[in-house]
């Protein structure tokens, strides 16, 4: 349970909102699509946001769509994925397999520390990351 919660936090998702939402949805969710409920793939229901706020209580005029921000976020996610892919098992990265054949990358506490160091290193040396 620790790994999905850390993964949610790394993806700027409120773990409590994620858990509350998926636990309510699991009974009716198709078993062959459980991967949709993992933190990396999760889309919150209309009444819950990824940050744990209730949309029904928000002023709709405060919601803004920012395509530039979304592209930048996708680029950052791709960059972070590339950094994490540089890690080996002995660095604290593990693969967790569930229902399907696809696994999800997860990190031990030691792996999170190593990932933070790698992020720091590659931010200081942008040209070194292999693509």
N, C-alpha and C. Protein backbone atom coordinates (compact mmCIF):
# COMPACT_ATOMS: atom_id res chain seq x y z
N UNK A 1 0.83 -1.19 0.00
CA UNK A 1 0.00 0.00 0.00
C UNK A 1 0.87 1.26 0.00
N UNK A 2 2.05 1.17 0.56
CA UNK A 2 2.92 2.33 0.66
C UNK A 2 3.33 2.85 -0.72
N UNK A 3 3.68 1.94 -1.62
CA UNK A 3 4.15 2.33 -2.95
C UNK A 3 3.11 3.13 -3.74
N UNK A 4 1.84 2.70 -3.81
CA UNK A 4 0.86 3.51 -4.54
C UNK A 4 0.64 4.88 -3.90
N UNK A 5 0.71 4.96 -2.58
CA UNK A 5 0.53 6.25 -1.92
C UNK A 5 1.68 7.18 -2.27
N UNK A 6 2.91 6.68 -2.26
CA UNK A 6 4.06 7.49 -2.64
C UNK A 6 3.96 7.87 -4.10
N UNK A 7 3.52 6.95 -4.95
CA UNK A 7 3.34 7.25 -6.37
C UNK A 7 2.31 8.35 -6.55
N UNK A 8 1.23 8.29 -5.79
CA UNK A 8 0.22 9.36 -5.85
C UNK A 8 0.85 10.70 -5.47
N UNK A 9 1.60 10.72 -4.39
CA UNK A 9 2.24 11.97 -3.95
C UNK A 9 3.21 12.49 -4.99
N UNK A 10 3.97 11.59 -5.62
CA UNK A 10 4.93 12.01 -6.65
C UNK A 10 4.22 12.58 -7.87
N UNK A 11 2.97 12.21 -8.08
CA UNK A 11 2.19 12.72 -9.20
C UNK A 11 1.27 13.86 -8.77
N UNK A 12 1.54 14.44 -7.60
CA UNK A 12 0.79 15.56 -7.04
C UNK A 12 -0.70 15.24 -6.95
N UNK A 13 -0.96 14.04 -6.45
CA UNK A 13 -2.33 13.59 -6.21
C UNK A 13 -2.49 13.39 -4.72
N UNK A 14 -3.58 13.89 -4.18
CA UNK A 14 -3.88 13.70 -2.76
C UNK A 14 -4.20 12.22 -2.54
N UNK A 15 -3.34 11.49 -1.80
CA UNK A 15 -3.56 10.06 -1.60
C UNK A 15 -4.92 9.73 -1.00
N UNK A 16 -5.39 10.57 -0.08
CA UNK A 16 -6.69 10.30 0.55
C UNK A 16 -7.82 10.42 -0.48
N UNK A 17 -7.75 11.43 -1.34
CA UNK A 17 -8.77 11.59 -2.37
C UNK A 17 -8.73 10.41 -3.34
N UNK A 18 -7.52 10.00 -3.73
CA UNK A 18 -7.35 8.86 -4.64
C UNK A 18 -7.94 7.59 -4.02
N UNK A 19 -7.53 7.28 -2.78
CA UNK A 19 -8.01 6.07 -2.13
C UNK A 19 -9.52 6.08 -1.94
N UNK A 20 -10.06 7.20 -1.50
CA UNK A 20 -11.50 7.31 -1.30
C UNK A 20 -12.24 7.05 -2.60
N UNK A 21 -11.74 7.65 -3.67
CA UNK A 21 -12.40 7.51 -4.97
C UNK A 21 -12.31 6.07 -5.49
N UNK A 22 -11.11 5.50 -5.49
CA UNK A 22 -10.98 4.16 -6.08
C UNK A 22 -11.65 3.09 -5.25
N UNK A 23 -11.65 3.24 -3.93
CA UNK A 23 -12.32 2.24 -3.09
C UNK A 23 -13.83 2.24 -3.34
N UNK A 24 -14.38 3.41 -3.64
CA UNK A 24 -15.81 3.50 -3.96
C UNK A 24 -16.09 2.93 -5.34
N UNK A 25 -15.12 3.03 -6.26
CA UNK A 25 -15.34 2.60 -7.64
C UNK A 25 -15.01 1.14 -7.91
N UNK A 26 -14.13 0.54 -7.12
CA UNK A 26 -13.65 -0.82 -7.41
C UNK A 26 -14.78 -1.84 -7.57
N UNK A 27 -15.81 -1.86 -6.72
CA UNK A 27 -16.84 -2.90 -6.86
C UNK A 27 -17.52 -2.92 -8.23
N UNK A 28 -17.69 -1.76 -8.85
CA UNK A 28 -18.39 -1.70 -10.14
C UNK A 28 -17.43 -1.58 -11.32
N UNK A 29 -16.14 -1.46 -11.04
CA UNK A 29 -15.16 -1.25 -12.12
C UNK A 29 -14.81 -2.58 -12.79
N UNK A 30 -14.74 -2.60 -14.13
CA UNK A 30 -14.40 -3.85 -14.83
C UNK A 30 -13.01 -4.35 -14.42
N UNK A 31 -12.88 -5.62 -14.07
CA UNK A 31 -11.60 -6.17 -13.61
C UNK A 31 -10.48 -6.03 -14.64
N UNK A 32 -10.81 -6.09 -15.92
CA UNK A 32 -9.77 -5.99 -16.93
C UNK A 32 -9.27 -4.55 -17.12
N UNK A 33 -9.88 -3.59 -16.42
CA UNK A 33 -9.46 -2.19 -16.52
C UNK A 33 -9.02 -1.63 -15.16
N UNK A 34 -8.59 -2.49 -14.25
CA UNK A 34 -8.14 -2.02 -12.94
C UNK A 34 -6.93 -1.09 -13.03
N UNK A 35 -6.13 -1.25 -14.08
CA UNK A 35 -4.97 -0.38 -14.23
C UNK A 35 -5.36 1.09 -14.34
N UNK A 36 -6.60 1.38 -14.73
CA UNK A 36 -7.09 2.76 -14.81
C UNK A 36 -7.15 3.42 -13.43
N UNK A 37 -7.20 2.61 -12.39
CA UNK A 37 -7.33 3.15 -11.03
C UNK A 37 -5.99 3.36 -10.34
N UNK A 38 -4.90 2.95 -10.99
CA UNK A 38 -3.57 3.20 -10.43
C UNK A 38 -3.28 4.70 -10.43
N UNK A 39 -2.48 5.19 -9.50
CA UNK A 39 -2.23 6.63 -9.42
C UNK A 39 -1.75 7.25 -10.73
N UNK A 40 -0.93 6.54 -11.49
CA UNK A 40 -0.41 7.11 -12.74
C UNK A 40 -1.49 7.25 -13.81
N UNK A 41 -2.55 6.46 -13.73
CA UNK A 41 -3.59 6.47 -14.76
C UNK A 41 -4.92 7.03 -14.28
N UNK A 42 -5.02 7.33 -13.02
CA UNK A 42 -6.29 7.69 -12.38
C UNK A 42 -6.86 9.00 -12.89
N UNK A 43 -8.13 8.96 -13.21
CA UNK A 43 -8.90 10.17 -13.51
C UNK A 43 -9.99 10.25 -12.46
N UNK A 44 -9.97 11.30 -11.63
CA UNK A 44 -10.95 11.37 -10.55
C UNK A 44 -12.38 11.50 -11.08
N UNK A 45 -13.33 11.07 -10.27
CA UNK A 45 -14.73 11.26 -10.62
C UNK A 45 -15.01 12.76 -10.64
N UNK A 46 -16.13 13.14 -11.18
CA UNK A 46 -16.44 14.56 -11.35
C UNK A 46 -16.55 15.32 -10.03
N UNK A 47 -16.81 14.63 -8.93
CA UNK A 47 -16.98 15.33 -7.65
C UNK A 47 -15.68 15.40 -6.83
N UNK A 48 -14.62 14.75 -7.30
CA UNK A 48 -13.36 14.73 -6.55
C UNK A 48 -12.24 15.16 -7.48
N UNK A 49 -11.37 16.04 -7.01
CA UNK A 49 -10.22 16.41 -7.83
C UNK A 49 -9.00 15.66 -7.34
N UNK A 50 -7.96 15.68 -8.13
CA UNK A 50 -6.72 14.99 -7.78
C UNK A 50 -6.09 15.58 -6.53
N UNK A 51 -6.43 16.80 -6.19
CA UNK A 51 -5.87 17.43 -5.01
C UNK A 51 -6.80 17.29 -3.80
N UNK A 52 -7.92 16.58 -3.99
CA UNK A 52 -8.80 16.28 -2.87
C UNK A 52 -9.88 17.30 -2.61
N UNK A 53 -10.10 18.24 -3.50
CA UNK A 53 -11.13 19.25 -3.30
C UNK A 53 -12.43 18.80 -3.95
N UNK A 54 -13.52 19.22 -3.40
CA UNK A 54 -14.82 18.89 -3.94
C UNK A 54 -15.18 19.94 -4.99
N UNK A 55 -15.29 19.52 -6.28
CA UNK A 55 -15.59 20.45 -7.36
C UNK A 55 -16.98 21.08 -7.20
N UNK A 56 -17.90 20.37 -6.60
CA UNK A 56 -19.25 20.88 -6.47
C UNK A 56 -19.27 22.16 -5.64
N UNK A 57 -18.32 22.33 -4.76
CA UNK A 57 -18.28 23.50 -3.91
C UNK A 57 -17.47 24.64 -4.52
N UNK A 58 -16.77 24.39 -5.61
CA UNK A 58 -15.94 25.42 -6.22
C UNK A 58 -16.76 26.30 -7.15
N UNK A 59 -16.33 27.53 -7.29
CA UNK A 59 -16.92 28.45 -8.23
C UNK A 59 -16.43 28.05 -9.63
N UNK A 60 -17.34 27.68 -10.56
CA UNK A 60 -16.91 27.22 -11.88
C UNK A 60 -16.12 28.26 -12.65
N UNK A 61 -16.32 29.54 -12.36
CA UNK A 61 -15.57 30.58 -13.07
C UNK A 61 -14.10 30.59 -12.67
N UNK A 62 -13.75 29.91 -11.60
CA UNK A 62 -12.35 29.86 -11.15
C UNK A 62 -11.55 28.80 -11.88
N UNK A 63 -12.23 27.89 -12.60
CA UNK A 63 -11.54 26.82 -13.32
C UNK A 63 -11.04 27.34 -14.66
N UNK A 64 -9.76 27.22 -14.90
CA UNK A 64 -9.16 27.69 -16.14
C UNK A 64 -8.44 26.54 -16.82
N UNK A 65 -8.58 26.48 -18.14
CA UNK A 65 -7.89 25.46 -18.93
C UNK A 65 -6.61 26.09 -19.47
N UNK A 66 -5.46 25.46 -19.21
CA UNK A 66 -4.17 25.98 -19.62
C UNK A 66 -3.44 24.94 -20.47
N UNK A 67 -3.66 24.95 -21.81
CA UNK A 67 -3.00 23.95 -22.66
C UNK A 67 -1.48 24.01 -22.57
N UNK A 68 -0.91 25.19 -22.46
CA UNK A 68 0.55 25.32 -22.35
C UNK A 68 1.07 24.63 -21.10
N UNK A 69 0.36 24.80 -20.00
CA UNK A 69 0.75 24.17 -18.75
C UNK A 69 0.66 22.65 -18.87
N UNK A 70 -0.40 22.17 -19.54
CA UNK A 70 -0.57 20.72 -19.72
C UNK A 70 0.55 20.14 -20.57
N UNK A 71 0.96 20.84 -21.64
CA UNK A 71 2.07 20.36 -22.47
C UNK A 71 3.37 20.34 -21.66
N UNK A 72 3.59 21.39 -20.88
CA UNK A 72 4.79 21.47 -20.06
C UNK A 72 4.80 20.36 -19.02
N UNK A 73 3.63 20.09 -18.41
CA UNK A 73 3.52 19.02 -17.42
C UNK A 73 3.82 17.68 -18.08
N UNK A 74 3.31 17.44 -19.29
CA UNK A 74 3.56 16.18 -20.00
C UNK A 74 5.04 16.03 -20.28
N UNK A 75 5.67 17.14 -20.70
CA UNK A 75 7.11 17.12 -20.98
C UNK A 75 7.89 16.82 -19.71
N UNK A 76 7.48 17.42 -18.59
CA UNK A 76 8.13 17.15 -17.30
C UNK A 76 7.94 15.69 -16.88
N UNK A 77 6.75 15.15 -17.11
CA UNK A 77 6.49 13.74 -16.77
C UNK A 77 7.38 12.83 -17.60
N UNK A 78 7.50 13.14 -18.90
CA UNK A 78 8.37 12.34 -19.77
C UNK A 78 9.82 12.41 -19.31
N UNK A 79 10.25 13.61 -18.93
CA UNK A 79 11.63 13.80 -18.45
C UNK A 79 11.84 12.99 -17.17
N UNK A 80 10.88 13.06 -16.24
CA UNK A 80 11.00 12.31 -14.99
C UNK A 80 11.02 10.81 -15.26
N UNK A 81 10.21 10.36 -16.21
CA UNK A 81 10.21 8.94 -16.58
C UNK A 81 11.59 8.54 -17.09
N UNK A 82 12.20 9.39 -17.93
CA UNK A 82 13.54 9.10 -18.45
C UNK A 82 14.56 9.02 -17.32
N UNK A 83 14.47 9.92 -16.35
CA UNK A 83 15.39 9.90 -15.21
C UNK A 83 15.20 8.61 -14.42
N UNK A 84 13.96 8.25 -14.12
CA UNK A 84 13.68 7.05 -13.33
C UNK A 84 14.13 5.79 -14.07
N UNK A 85 14.07 5.79 -15.38
CA UNK A 85 14.49 4.62 -16.16
C UNK A 85 15.99 4.41 -16.12
N UNK A 86 16.74 5.39 -15.66
CA UNK A 86 18.19 5.24 -15.50
C UNK A 86 18.53 4.39 -14.26
N UNK A 87 17.54 4.18 -13.40
CA UNK A 87 17.78 3.48 -12.14
C UNK A 87 17.76 1.97 -12.34
N UNK A 88 18.49 1.28 -11.51
CA UNK A 88 18.56 -0.18 -11.51
C UNK A 88 17.93 -0.70 -10.22
N UNK A 89 17.72 -2.01 -10.15
CA UNK A 89 17.12 -2.63 -8.96
C UNK A 89 17.90 -2.27 -7.70
N UNK A 90 19.22 -2.29 -7.79
CA UNK A 90 20.03 -2.00 -6.60
C UNK A 90 19.93 -0.53 -6.18
N UNK A 91 19.36 0.32 -7.05
CA UNK A 91 19.14 1.72 -6.70
C UNK A 91 17.83 1.92 -5.95
N UNK A 92 17.02 0.86 -5.84
CA UNK A 92 15.77 0.95 -5.08
C UNK A 92 14.53 1.08 -5.94
N UNK A 93 14.64 0.75 -7.22
CA UNK A 93 13.46 0.76 -8.09
C UNK A 93 12.94 -0.67 -8.21
N UNK A 94 11.63 -0.83 -8.19
CA UNK A 94 11.03 -2.15 -8.33
C UNK A 94 9.89 -2.05 -9.35
N UNK A 95 9.50 -3.18 -9.89
CA UNK A 95 8.35 -3.23 -10.78
C UNK A 95 7.28 -4.06 -10.08
N UNK A 96 6.07 -3.53 -10.04
CA UNK A 96 4.96 -4.21 -9.40
C UNK A 96 3.99 -4.65 -10.49
N UNK A 97 3.66 -5.93 -10.48
CA UNK A 97 2.76 -6.48 -11.48
C UNK A 97 1.43 -6.83 -10.85
N UNK A 98 0.37 -6.53 -11.57
CA UNK A 98 -0.97 -6.80 -11.06
C UNK A 98 -1.72 -7.72 -11.98
N UNK A 99 -2.91 -7.33 -12.34
CA UNK A 99 -3.83 -8.15 -13.11
C UNK A 99 -3.30 -8.44 -14.52
N UNK A 100 -2.87 -7.42 -15.23
CA UNK A 100 -2.40 -7.59 -16.60
C UNK A 100 -0.93 -7.92 -16.67
N UNK A 101 -0.41 -7.88 -17.87
CA UNK A 101 1.00 -8.17 -18.08
C UNK A 101 1.88 -6.95 -17.80
N UNK A 102 1.29 -5.77 -17.85
CA UNK A 102 2.05 -4.55 -17.64
C UNK A 102 2.32 -4.34 -16.16
N UNK A 103 3.52 -3.88 -15.86
CA UNK A 103 3.88 -3.56 -14.50
C UNK A 103 3.91 -2.05 -14.31
N UNK A 104 4.07 -1.65 -13.09
CA UNK A 104 4.20 -0.24 -12.78
C UNK A 104 5.47 -0.05 -11.96
N UNK A 105 6.19 0.99 -12.27
CA UNK A 105 7.44 1.27 -11.58
C UNK A 105 7.12 1.84 -10.20
N UNK A 106 7.83 1.35 -9.20
CA UNK A 106 7.65 1.83 -7.83
C UNK A 106 9.03 1.95 -7.21
N UNK A 107 9.10 2.58 -6.04
CA UNK A 107 10.37 2.86 -5.42
C UNK A 107 10.34 2.53 -3.93
N UNK A 108 11.43 1.98 -3.45
CA UNK A 108 11.60 1.81 -2.02
C UNK A 108 11.96 3.18 -1.45
N UNK A 109 12.04 3.29 -0.12
CA UNK A 109 12.49 4.56 0.48
C UNK A 109 13.86 4.94 -0.05
N UNK A 110 14.74 3.96 -0.14
CA UNK A 110 16.09 4.18 -0.67
C UNK A 110 16.01 4.63 -2.13
N UNK A 111 15.07 4.04 -2.88
CA UNK A 111 14.89 4.41 -4.28
C UNK A 111 14.41 5.84 -4.44
N UNK A 112 13.53 6.28 -3.56
CA UNK A 112 13.05 7.67 -3.62
C UNK A 112 14.20 8.63 -3.36
N UNK A 113 15.04 8.30 -2.37
CA UNK A 113 16.22 9.14 -2.10
C UNK A 113 17.13 9.19 -3.32
N UNK A 114 17.35 8.04 -3.97
CA UNK A 114 18.19 8.00 -5.16
C UNK A 114 17.56 8.76 -6.32
N UNK A 115 16.24 8.65 -6.48
CA UNK A 115 15.55 9.37 -7.54
C UNK A 115 15.69 10.88 -7.34
N UNK A 116 15.55 11.33 -6.12
CA UNK A 116 15.71 12.76 -5.83
C UNK A 116 17.12 13.22 -6.20
N UNK A 117 18.11 12.42 -5.86
CA UNK A 117 19.49 12.76 -6.21
C UNK A 117 19.69 12.77 -7.72
N UNK A 118 19.12 11.79 -8.42
CA UNK A 118 19.23 11.77 -9.87
C UNK A 118 18.55 12.98 -10.51
N UNK A 119 17.40 13.36 -10.00
CA UNK A 119 16.70 14.55 -10.50
C UNK A 119 17.60 15.77 -10.34
N UNK A 120 18.16 15.91 -9.15
CA UNK A 120 19.05 17.04 -8.88
C UNK A 120 20.24 17.03 -9.86
N UNK A 121 20.84 15.85 -10.04
CA UNK A 121 22.01 15.72 -10.92
C UNK A 121 21.66 16.09 -12.36
N UNK A 122 20.56 15.53 -12.88
CA UNK A 122 20.20 15.78 -14.27
C UNK A 122 19.69 17.20 -14.50
N UNK A 123 19.14 17.84 -13.49
CA UNK A 123 18.77 19.25 -13.63
C UNK A 123 20.01 20.12 -13.76
N UNK A 124 21.07 19.72 -13.06
CA UNK A 124 22.32 20.47 -13.14
C UNK A 124 23.10 20.14 -14.42
N UNK A 125 22.84 18.99 -15.03
CA UNK A 125 23.56 18.52 -16.21
C UNK A 125 22.55 18.08 -17.28
N UNK A 126 21.78 19.01 -17.80
CA UNK A 126 20.67 18.70 -18.69
C UNK A 126 21.07 17.90 -19.93
N UNK A 127 22.26 18.06 -20.44
CA UNK A 127 22.67 17.38 -21.65
C UNK A 127 23.05 15.93 -21.46
N UNK A 128 23.15 15.46 -20.24
CA UNK A 128 23.62 14.10 -19.99
C UNK A 128 22.57 13.01 -20.08
N UNK A 129 21.32 13.37 -19.97
CA UNK A 129 20.26 12.36 -19.95
C UNK A 129 20.11 11.75 -21.33
N UNK A 130 20.21 10.41 -21.39
CA UNK A 130 20.04 9.69 -22.65
C UNK A 130 18.57 9.63 -23.01
N UNK A 131 18.23 9.85 -24.25
CA UNK A 131 16.84 9.76 -24.72
C UNK A 131 16.71 8.62 -25.67
